[in-house]
Every structure is written in C-alpha cells, then in structure tokens.
Amino acid sequence: MAESPPVLFPGSFDPPTLGHLDLIRRGVDLFGKVWVGVAANPGKAALFSSEERVAMIEIMTDGLEVEVSVIQGLVVEAARERGVSVLLRGVRGSSDLDLEYPMAMTNRELNAAMETVCLLARPEFSTISSRLLREVYEAGGELPRLLAPSVHAALREKFPPS
C-alpha cells in the first residue's frame, strides 16, 4: 500500500511557538505525518529568515514524523505539487475562524479537492501569537514558557536583555 501524502501545516512561524508545536503533534497523531510549510512571503518583513524558521521547527519537532521546508507562492499550489489535499490550521478563537473560513473557501476554489482541517487551540495556547511574542521580546520582556528553549534563545539573540 502506498504511503499517503502528509497533511500540510502552512504558516509564517515567525517565531514558532509551543502552540504551533502542539498543533504539529496533534496533526501527527491524526494524520501520521505533517509537512510544515514555512511561508516565504517577500512582501512581509520577517524577524527570522525562512531558513532560521525551518531550523527552529526542525529542532522543536525532532523525533516526530515531520518534514519542514520553505514554500513559495500559493499554499494550495505547493500542496497540489506534492499530492497533498489536506491543510491543517489552528484556531485560537472566533477571530481566527473569521480569517480561516474565507481562506479555506478560496483554497477550495483554486483546488476543488483541497480540504482544510481546523484544530482548536488548547486553552494554554489560545492567547499565543508570534506577533505578540515578537513585540514582548522587542520591548525587553520574555515569555519562555510559551516557546521551545531554542526559540527563546534565538529571540534573546535578536533582542538582548538590557
């Protein structure tokens, strides 16, 4: 029997959080393997390069059935090229769902076979966002309990304590 393609979990992951890791682990439990697609969006200024984000996720997911790579262009096209028909997304609250629903419908317009599976964030991760974490570290704070140690260290490198 041929191995089925993994589910694709796309995102910017700038930086990756323990909330992302929780979704990846749950995706592996549900689908057997997760392909984490780190979006390279040239129109968006990222704190970490695509390569740095890939490396951080690889460290975080060591030992899991996970593949991590950079994806360029439309997520749905990257998925189609690999034969992937399921996208994994995380939803922290109703505002995330308001964003995810039209994105899922647009992806389905682009590829009728594309399904989007949304996993609800666990309560302890429901307030985490990469953007807020960047802002906290930039302002001199830190929230290591929400990050893998390697990601916390990378943020401290970018924003050394004063």
N, C-alpha and C. Protein backbone atom coordinates (compact mmCIF):
# COMPACT_ATOMS: atom_id res chain seq x y z
N MET A 1 0.84 -1.17 0.00
CA MET A 1 0.00 0.00 0.00
C MET A 1 0.89 1.24 0.00
N ALA A 2 0.61 2.19 -0.90
CA ALA A 2 1.42 3.40 -1.00
C ALA A 2 1.18 4.30 0.20
N GLU A 3 2.25 4.97 0.62
CA GLU A 3 2.14 5.91 1.74
C GLU A 3 1.35 7.13 1.28
N SER A 4 0.39 7.53 2.10
CA SER A 4 -0.40 8.71 1.73
C SER A 4 0.42 9.96 2.01
N PRO A 5 0.17 11.02 1.23
CA PRO A 5 0.93 12.25 1.45
C PRO A 5 0.58 12.84 2.81
N PRO A 6 1.52 13.57 3.39
CA PRO A 6 1.24 14.16 4.70
C PRO A 6 0.22 15.30 4.58
N VAL A 7 -0.28 15.71 5.72
CA VAL A 7 -1.10 16.90 5.79
C VAL A 7 -0.13 18.09 5.79
N LEU A 8 -0.54 19.20 5.21
CA LEU A 8 0.31 20.40 5.16
C LEU A 8 -0.14 21.40 6.21
N PHE A 9 0.76 21.79 7.08
CA PHE A 9 0.52 22.83 8.08
C PHE A 9 1.34 24.04 7.64
N PRO A 10 0.70 24.98 6.92
CA PRO A 10 1.44 26.15 6.44
C PRO A 10 1.37 27.32 7.43
N GLY A 11 2.38 28.16 7.39
CA GLY A 11 2.35 29.35 8.23
C GLY A 11 3.65 30.11 8.12
N SER A 12 3.67 31.27 8.75
CA SER A 12 4.90 32.05 8.74
C SER A 12 5.83 31.61 9.87
N PHE A 13 5.28 31.19 11.01
CA PHE A 13 6.07 30.67 12.12
C PHE A 13 7.23 31.61 12.48
N ASP A 14 6.90 32.87 12.68
CA ASP A 14 7.94 33.90 12.90
C ASP A 14 7.76 34.58 14.25
N PRO A 15 8.11 33.92 15.33
CA PRO A 15 8.79 32.64 15.50
C PRO A 15 7.78 31.52 15.75
N PRO A 16 8.25 30.26 15.64
CA PRO A 16 7.39 29.14 16.01
C PRO A 16 7.19 29.11 17.52
N THR A 17 5.99 28.75 17.95
CA THR A 17 5.64 28.74 19.37
C THR A 17 5.29 27.33 19.83
N LEU A 18 5.10 27.18 21.13
CA LEU A 18 4.65 25.89 21.65
C LEU A 18 3.22 25.60 21.20
N GLY A 19 2.46 26.63 20.88
CA GLY A 19 1.14 26.42 20.29
C GLY A 19 1.25 25.76 18.93
N HIS A 20 2.20 26.21 18.12
CA HIS A 20 2.45 25.56 16.82
C HIS A 20 2.86 24.11 17.03
N LEU A 21 3.77 23.89 17.98
CA LEU A 21 4.25 22.53 18.25
C LEU A 21 3.10 21.63 18.68
N ASP A 22 2.20 22.13 19.50
CA ASP A 22 1.05 21.35 19.92
C ASP A 22 0.20 20.94 18.72
N LEU A 23 -0.03 21.87 17.81
CA LEU A 23 -0.81 21.56 16.61
C LEU A 23 -0.08 20.54 15.73
N ILE A 24 1.22 20.65 15.62
CA ILE A 24 2.00 19.70 14.83
C ILE A 24 1.88 18.31 15.44
N ARG A 25 2.06 18.21 16.75
CA ARG A 25 1.96 16.90 17.42
C ARG A 25 0.58 16.29 17.21
N ARG A 26 -0.45 17.10 17.37
CA ARG A 26 -1.81 16.60 17.19
C ARG A 26 -2.06 16.22 15.74
N GLY A 27 -1.46 16.97 14.81
CA GLY A 27 -1.57 16.61 13.40
C GLY A 27 -0.92 15.28 13.09
N VAL A 28 0.24 15.02 13.70
CA VAL A 28 0.91 13.73 13.53
C VAL A 28 0.02 12.62 14.08
N ASP A 29 -0.59 12.85 15.25
CA ASP A 29 -1.48 11.84 15.83
C ASP A 29 -2.66 11.54 14.90
N LEU A 30 -3.20 12.57 14.26
CA LEU A 30 -4.37 12.39 13.40
C LEU A 30 -4.03 11.85 12.01
N PHE A 31 -2.92 12.33 11.43
CA PHE A 31 -2.62 12.05 10.03
C PHE A 31 -1.39 11.19 9.80
N GLY A 32 -0.62 10.93 10.84
CA GLY A 32 0.57 10.10 10.69
C GLY A 32 1.83 10.88 10.39
N LYS A 33 1.71 11.93 9.59
CA LYS A 33 2.87 12.74 9.22
C LYS A 33 2.39 14.15 8.90
N VAL A 34 3.21 15.13 9.25
CA VAL A 34 2.88 16.53 8.97
C VAL A 34 4.01 17.15 8.17
N TRP A 35 3.65 17.85 7.13
CA TRP A 35 4.59 18.67 6.37
C TRP A 35 4.36 20.10 6.84
N VAL A 36 5.36 20.67 7.49
CA VAL A 36 5.28 22.06 7.94
C VAL A 36 5.86 22.92 6.82
N GLY A 37 5.01 23.75 6.24
CA GLY A 37 5.42 24.63 5.15
C GLY A 37 5.64 26.03 5.66
N VAL A 38 6.89 26.43 5.71
CA VAL A 38 7.24 27.77 6.18
C VAL A 38 7.11 28.73 5.00
N ALA A 39 6.16 29.64 5.13
CA ALA A 39 5.87 30.57 4.03
C ALA A 39 6.98 31.59 3.88
N ALA A 40 7.46 31.70 2.66
CA ALA A 40 8.43 32.74 2.31
C ALA A 40 7.66 33.82 1.58
N ASN A 41 7.28 34.84 2.31
CA ASN A 41 6.48 35.92 1.74
C ASN A 41 7.36 37.16 1.59
N PRO A 42 7.84 37.43 0.38
CA PRO A 42 8.76 38.56 0.20
C PRO A 42 8.12 39.91 0.53
N GLY A 43 6.80 39.99 0.53
CA GLY A 43 6.12 41.24 0.83
C GLY A 43 5.95 41.48 2.32
N LYS A 44 6.37 40.53 3.15
CA LYS A 44 6.19 40.62 4.59
C LYS A 44 7.57 40.62 5.25
N ALA A 45 7.85 41.63 6.05
CA ALA A 45 9.14 41.69 6.74
C ALA A 45 9.13 40.69 7.89
N ALA A 46 10.01 39.71 7.84
CA ALA A 46 10.09 38.68 8.87
C ALA A 46 11.25 38.98 9.81
N LEU A 47 11.09 38.62 11.06
CA LEU A 47 12.17 38.76 12.04
C LEU A 47 13.25 37.72 11.76
N PHE A 48 12.82 36.49 11.48
CA PHE A 48 13.75 35.41 11.20
C PHE A 48 13.67 35.04 9.73
N SER A 49 14.80 34.66 9.15
CA SER A 49 14.80 34.22 7.76
C SER A 49 14.03 32.90 7.65
N SER A 50 13.63 32.56 6.45
CA SER A 50 12.95 31.29 6.21
C SER A 50 13.80 30.13 6.71
N GLU A 51 15.09 30.19 6.43
CA GLU A 51 16.00 29.11 6.83
C GLU A 51 16.09 29.00 8.35
N GLU A 52 16.12 30.15 9.05
CA GLU A 52 16.16 30.12 10.52
C GLU A 52 14.87 29.50 11.08
N ARG A 53 13.73 29.85 10.49
CA ARG A 53 12.46 29.30 10.96
C ARG A 53 12.39 27.80 10.71
N VAL A 54 12.85 27.36 9.55
CA VAL A 54 12.89 25.91 9.26
C VAL A 54 13.76 25.22 10.31
N ALA A 55 14.93 25.74 10.59
CA ALA A 55 15.84 25.12 11.56
C ALA A 55 15.22 25.07 12.95
N MET A 56 14.55 26.14 13.38
CA MET A 56 13.91 26.14 14.69
C MET A 56 12.83 25.07 14.79
N ILE A 57 12.03 24.94 13.73
CA ILE A 57 10.96 23.94 13.74
C ILE A 57 11.54 22.53 13.70
N GLU A 58 12.61 22.33 12.95
CA GLU A 58 13.25 21.01 12.91
C GLU A 58 13.74 20.61 14.30
N ILE A 59 14.31 21.55 15.03
CA ILE A 59 14.77 21.25 16.40
C ILE A 59 13.58 20.92 17.29
N MET A 60 12.52 21.71 17.20
CA MET A 60 11.33 21.51 18.04
C MET A 60 10.64 20.18 17.77
N THR A 61 10.69 19.71 16.54
CA THR A 61 9.93 18.53 16.15
C THR A 61 10.79 17.28 16.02
N ASP A 62 12.02 17.35 16.50
CA ASP A 62 12.91 16.20 16.43
C ASP A 62 12.22 14.97 17.03
N GLY A 63 12.24 13.88 16.28
CA GLY A 63 11.63 12.64 16.75
C GLY A 63 10.19 12.46 16.31
N LEU A 64 9.59 13.48 15.73
CA LEU A 64 8.22 13.38 15.23
C LEU A 64 8.25 13.11 13.72
N GLU A 65 7.17 12.54 13.21
CA GLU A 65 7.03 12.32 11.77
C GLU A 65 6.67 13.65 11.11
N VAL A 66 7.70 14.48 10.92
CA VAL A 66 7.51 15.84 10.41
C VAL A 66 8.57 16.13 9.37
N GLU A 67 8.13 16.78 8.33
CA GLU A 67 9.03 17.32 7.31
C GLU A 67 8.83 18.83 7.34
N VAL A 68 9.91 19.58 7.25
CA VAL A 68 9.83 21.04 7.27
C VAL A 68 10.54 21.58 6.05
N SER A 69 9.87 22.47 5.33
CA SER A 69 10.51 23.11 4.19
C SER A 69 9.86 24.45 3.91
N VAL A 70 10.55 25.24 3.13
CA VAL A 70 10.04 26.55 2.72
C VAL A 70 9.08 26.35 1.56
N ILE A 71 7.96 27.06 1.59
CA ILE A 71 7.06 27.06 0.45
C ILE A 71 6.95 28.49 -0.07
N GLN A 72 6.93 28.60 -1.38
CA GLN A 72 6.82 29.90 -2.03
C GLN A 72 5.50 29.94 -2.79
N GLY A 73 4.96 31.10 -2.94
CA GLY A 73 3.74 31.24 -3.72
C GLY A 73 2.52 30.74 -2.97
N LEU A 74 1.52 30.32 -3.74
CA LEU A 74 0.26 29.87 -3.16
C LEU A 74 0.42 28.54 -2.43
N VAL A 75 -0.08 28.47 -1.22
CA VAL A 75 -0.03 27.25 -0.43
C VAL A 75 -0.73 26.11 -1.17
N VAL A 76 -1.88 26.41 -1.76
CA VAL A 76 -2.65 25.38 -2.45
C VAL A 76 -1.87 24.80 -3.64
N GLU A 77 -1.04 25.60 -4.29
CA GLU A 77 -0.22 25.10 -5.40
C GLU A 77 0.91 24.22 -4.89
N ALA A 78 1.54 24.64 -3.78
CA ALA A 78 2.60 23.81 -3.19
C ALA A 78 2.02 22.46 -2.78
N ALA A 79 0.82 22.47 -2.21
CA ALA A 79 0.16 21.23 -1.81
C ALA A 79 -0.14 20.36 -3.03
N ARG A 80 -0.68 20.97 -4.06
CA ARG A 80 -1.04 20.22 -5.27
C ARG A 80 0.20 19.55 -5.87
N GLU A 81 1.32 20.27 -5.91
CA GLU A 81 2.56 19.71 -6.48
C GLU A 81 3.01 18.46 -5.73
N ARG A 82 2.71 18.39 -4.45
CA ARG A 82 3.13 17.24 -3.62
C ARG A 82 2.03 16.20 -3.46
N GLY A 83 0.86 16.44 -4.05
CA GLY A 83 -0.23 15.50 -3.92
C GLY A 83 -0.93 15.57 -2.57
N VAL A 84 -0.78 16.70 -1.89
CA VAL A 84 -1.40 16.90 -0.58
C VAL A 84 -2.78 17.53 -0.78
N SER A 85 -3.78 16.98 -0.12
CA SER A 85 -5.13 17.52 -0.29
C SER A 85 -5.76 17.99 1.02
N VAL A 86 -4.96 17.99 2.11
CA VAL A 86 -5.47 18.44 3.40
C VAL A 86 -4.52 19.47 3.98
N LEU A 87 -5.10 20.62 4.34
CA LEU A 87 -4.36 21.66 5.04
C LEU A 87 -4.76 21.63 6.51
N LEU A 88 -3.81 21.76 7.38
CA LEU A 88 -4.04 21.82 8.82
C LEU A 88 -3.90 23.26 9.27
N ARG A 89 -4.88 23.74 10.00
CA ARG A 89 -4.84 25.10 10.51
C ARG A 89 -5.23 25.10 11.98
N GLY A 90 -4.74 26.06 12.71
CA GLY A 90 -5.09 26.21 14.12
C GLY A 90 -6.04 27.37 14.30
N VAL A 91 -6.96 27.22 15.23
CA VAL A 91 -7.93 28.27 15.52
C VAL A 91 -7.89 28.55 17.02
N ARG A 92 -7.53 29.79 17.37
CA ARG A 92 -7.47 30.18 18.77
C ARG A 92 -8.78 30.75 19.27
N GLY A 93 -9.56 31.28 18.36
CA GLY A 93 -10.84 31.88 18.75
C GLY A 93 -11.64 32.26 17.53
N SER A 94 -12.74 32.95 17.75
CA SER A 94 -13.64 33.27 16.64
C SER A 94 -13.00 34.19 15.61
N SER A 95 -12.09 35.05 16.01
CA SER A 95 -11.45 35.93 15.03
C SER A 95 -10.57 35.13 14.08
N ASP A 96 -9.91 34.07 14.59
CA ASP A 96 -9.14 33.19 13.70
C ASP A 96 -10.06 32.48 12.72
N LEU A 97 -11.20 32.01 13.21
CA LEU A 97 -12.14 31.31 12.34
C LEU A 97 -12.66 32.25 11.25
N ASP A 98 -12.86 33.52 11.61
CA ASP A 98 -13.30 34.51 10.62
C ASP A 98 -12.28 34.68 9.50
N LEU A 99 -11.00 34.46 9.80
CA LEU A 99 -9.95 34.53 8.78
C LEU A 99 -9.79 33.20 8.04
N GLU A 100 -9.90 32.09 8.77
CA GLU A 100 -9.66 30.78 8.18
C GLU A 100 -10.76 30.35 7.21
N TYR A 101 -12.00 30.68 7.51
CA TYR A 101 -13.10 30.23 6.65
C TYR A 101 -12.97 30.76 5.22
N PRO A 102 -12.82 32.09 5.01
CA PRO A 102 -12.68 32.54 3.62
C PRO A 102 -11.41 32.02 2.94
N MET A 103 -10.34 31.82 3.73
CA MET A 103 -9.12 31.28 3.15
C MET A 103 -9.37 29.84 2.68
N ALA A 104 -10.07 29.05 3.49
CA ALA A 104 -10.38 27.67 3.11
C ALA A 104 -11.26 27.63 1.86
N MET A 105 -12.23 28.52 1.78
CA MET A 105 -13.11 28.54 0.61
C MET A 105 -12.36 28.99 -0.64
N THR A 106 -11.44 29.92 -0.49
CA THR A 106 -10.62 30.36 -1.62
C THR A 106 -9.73 29.22 -2.09
N ASN A 107 -9.12 28.51 -1.13
CA ASN A 107 -8.28 27.36 -1.49
C ASN A 107 -9.09 26.30 -2.21
N ARG A 108 -10.34 26.10 -1.79
CA ARG A 108 -11.20 25.11 -2.45
C ARG A 108 -11.56 25.58 -3.86
N GLU A 109 -11.72 26.89 -4.06
CA GLU A 109 -11.96 27.42 -5.41
C GLU A 109 -10.77 27.14 -6.32
N LEU A 110 -9.57 27.28 -5.75
CA LEU A 110 -8.35 27.04 -6.52
C LEU A 110 -8.09 25.56 -6.77
N ASN A 111 -8.55 24.72 -5.83
CA ASN A 111 -8.37 23.28 -5.95
C ASN A 111 -9.56 22.62 -5.26
N ALA A 112 -10.50 22.11 -6.04
CA ALA A 112 -11.75 21.55 -5.51
C ALA A 112 -11.51 20.38 -4.55
N ALA A 113 -10.37 19.72 -4.65
CA ALA A 113 -10.08 18.57 -3.79
C ALA A 113 -9.47 18.99 -2.45
N MET A 114 -9.18 20.27 -2.27
CA MET A 114 -8.49 20.73 -1.07
C MET A 114 -9.45 20.81 0.12
N GLU A 115 -9.08 20.16 1.20
CA GLU A 115 -9.83 20.23 2.45
C GLU A 115 -8.99 20.97 3.48
N THR A 116 -9.64 21.70 4.36
CA THR A 116 -8.96 22.37 5.45
C THR A 116 -9.51 21.83 6.75
N VAL A 117 -8.61 21.36 7.61
CA VAL A 117 -8.98 20.85 8.92
C VAL A 117 -8.47 21.85 9.95
N CYS A 118 -9.37 22.38 10.75
CA CYS A 118 -9.01 23.33 11.79
C CYS A 118 -9.04 22.64 13.14
N LEU A 119 -7.94 22.76 13.86
CA LEU A 119 -7.88 22.24 15.23
C LEU A 119 -7.98 23.42 16.19
N LEU A 120 -8.80 23.26 17.20
CA LEU A 120 -8.94 24.30 18.21
C LEU A 120 -7.73 24.29 19.12
N ALA A 121 -7.20 25.47 19.40
CA ALA A 121 -6.05 25.58 20.29
C ALA A 121 -6.43 25.13 21.69
N ARG A 122 -5.50 24.50 22.35
CA ARG A 122 -5.71 24.16 23.75
C ARG A 122 -5.74 25.48 24.53
N PRO A 123 -6.48 25.54 25.62
CA PRO A 123 -6.60 26.80 26.38
C PRO A 123 -5.27 27.45 26.73
N GLU A 124 -4.28 26.64 27.09
CA GLU A 124 -2.99 27.22 27.50
C GLU A 124 -2.24 27.86 26.34
N PHE A 125 -2.67 27.59 25.11
CA PHE A 125 -2.02 28.17 23.93
C PHE A 125 -2.94 29.13 23.18
N SER A 126 -4.12 29.36 23.69
CA SER A 126 -5.12 30.12 22.93
C SER A 126 -4.82 31.61 22.81
N THR A 127 -3.91 32.11 23.60
CA THR A 127 -3.58 33.54 23.50
C THR A 127 -2.23 33.80 22.86
N ILE A 128 -1.52 32.74 22.50
CA ILE A 128 -0.19 32.90 21.90
C ILE A 128 -0.30 33.35 20.46
N SER A 129 0.47 34.36 20.12
CA SER A 129 0.65 34.70 18.71
C SER A 129 2.11 35.08 18.51
N SER A 130 2.63 34.71 17.37
CA SER A 130 4.03 35.04 17.06
C SER A 130 4.25 36.54 17.11
N ARG A 131 3.29 37.29 16.59
CA ARG A 131 3.41 38.75 16.56
C ARG A 131 3.53 39.31 17.98
N LEU A 132 2.66 38.87 18.89
CA LEU A 132 2.73 39.36 20.27
C LEU A 132 4.03 38.97 20.95
N LEU A 133 4.50 37.76 20.70
CA LEU A 133 5.77 37.34 21.29
C LEU A 133 6.92 38.19 20.78
N ARG A 134 6.94 38.49 19.48
CA ARG A 134 7.99 39.38 18.94
C ARG A 134 7.94 40.73 19.65
N GLU A 135 6.74 41.27 19.82
CA GLU A 135 6.59 42.58 20.46
C GLU A 135 7.08 42.56 21.91
N VAL A 136 6.76 41.49 22.65
CA VAL A 136 7.20 41.37 24.04
C VAL A 136 8.72 41.34 24.11
N TYR A 137 9.35 40.54 23.27
CA TYR A 137 10.81 40.42 23.30
C TYR A 137 11.46 41.71 22.83
N GLU A 138 10.90 42.34 21.83
CA GLU A 138 11.45 43.61 21.34
C GLU A 138 11.41 44.68 22.43
N ALA A 139 10.38 44.63 23.27
CA ALA A 139 10.23 45.62 24.34
C ALA A 139 11.04 45.25 25.59
N GLY A 140 11.79 44.15 25.53
CA GLY A 140 12.65 43.78 26.64
C GLY A 140 12.08 42.72 27.57
N GLY A 141 10.87 42.25 27.29
CA GLY A 141 10.28 41.19 28.10
C GLY A 141 10.61 39.83 27.55
N GLU A 142 10.09 38.81 28.23
CA GLU A 142 10.27 37.47 27.73
C GLU A 142 9.17 36.57 28.26
N LEU A 143 8.84 35.56 27.49
CA LEU A 143 7.81 34.58 27.85
C LEU A 143 8.31 33.17 27.48
N PRO A 144 9.36 32.71 28.15
CA PRO A 144 9.96 31.43 27.76
C PRO A 144 9.02 30.24 27.90
N ARG A 145 8.00 30.32 28.76
CA ARG A 145 7.10 29.16 28.94
C ARG A 145 6.24 28.91 27.70
N LEU A 146 6.20 29.88 26.78
CA LEU A 146 5.41 29.74 25.56
C LEU A 146 6.25 29.33 24.35
N LEU A 147 7.55 29.10 24.59
CA LEU A 147 8.48 28.84 23.49
C LEU A 147 9.38 27.65 23.80
N ALA A 148 9.82 26.97 22.76
CA ALA A 148 10.86 25.97 22.92
C ALA A 148 12.13 26.71 23.36
N PRO A 149 12.98 26.08 24.18
CA PRO A 149 14.21 26.77 24.64
C PRO A 149 15.04 27.35 23.50
N SER A 150 15.14 26.63 22.38
CA SER A 150 15.94 27.12 21.25
C SER A 150 15.33 28.38 20.64
N VAL A 151 14.03 28.48 20.62
CA VAL A 151 13.36 29.66 20.06
C VAL A 151 13.52 30.84 21.02
N HIS A 152 13.37 30.57 22.32
CA HIS A 152 13.60 31.62 23.32
C HIS A 152 15.02 32.18 23.17
N ALA A 153 16.00 31.30 23.02
CA ALA A 153 17.40 31.72 22.86
C ALA A 153 17.56 32.56 21.58
N ALA A 154 16.90 32.15 20.50
CA ALA A 154 17.01 32.89 19.23
C ALA A 154 16.39 34.28 19.38
N LEU A 155 15.28 34.38 20.10
CA LEU A 155 14.67 35.70 20.31
C LEU A 155 15.56 36.56 21.21
N ARG A 156 16.19 35.96 22.22
CA ARG A 156 17.09 36.71 23.09
C ARG A 156 18.31 37.20 22.30
N GLU A 157 18.72 36.43 21.30
CA GLU A 157 19.83 36.85 20.44
C GLU A 157 19.44 38.08 19.63
N LYS A 158 18.22 38.07 19.12
CA LYS A 158 17.72 39.21 18.32
C LYS A 158 17.47 40.43 19.20
N PHE A 159 16.98 40.18 20.42
CA PHE A 159 16.63 41.26 21.36
C PHE A 159 17.28 40.99 22.71
N PRO A 160 18.60 41.29 22.84
CA PRO A 160 19.28 41.02 24.10
C PRO A 160 18.66 41.83 25.24
N PRO A 161 18.62 41.23 26.44
CA PRO A 161 18.09 41.97 27.58
C PRO A 161 18.97 43.18 27.86
N SER A 162 18.37 44.25 28.33
CA SER A 162 19.17 45.46 28.61
C SER A 162 19.77 45.43 29.98
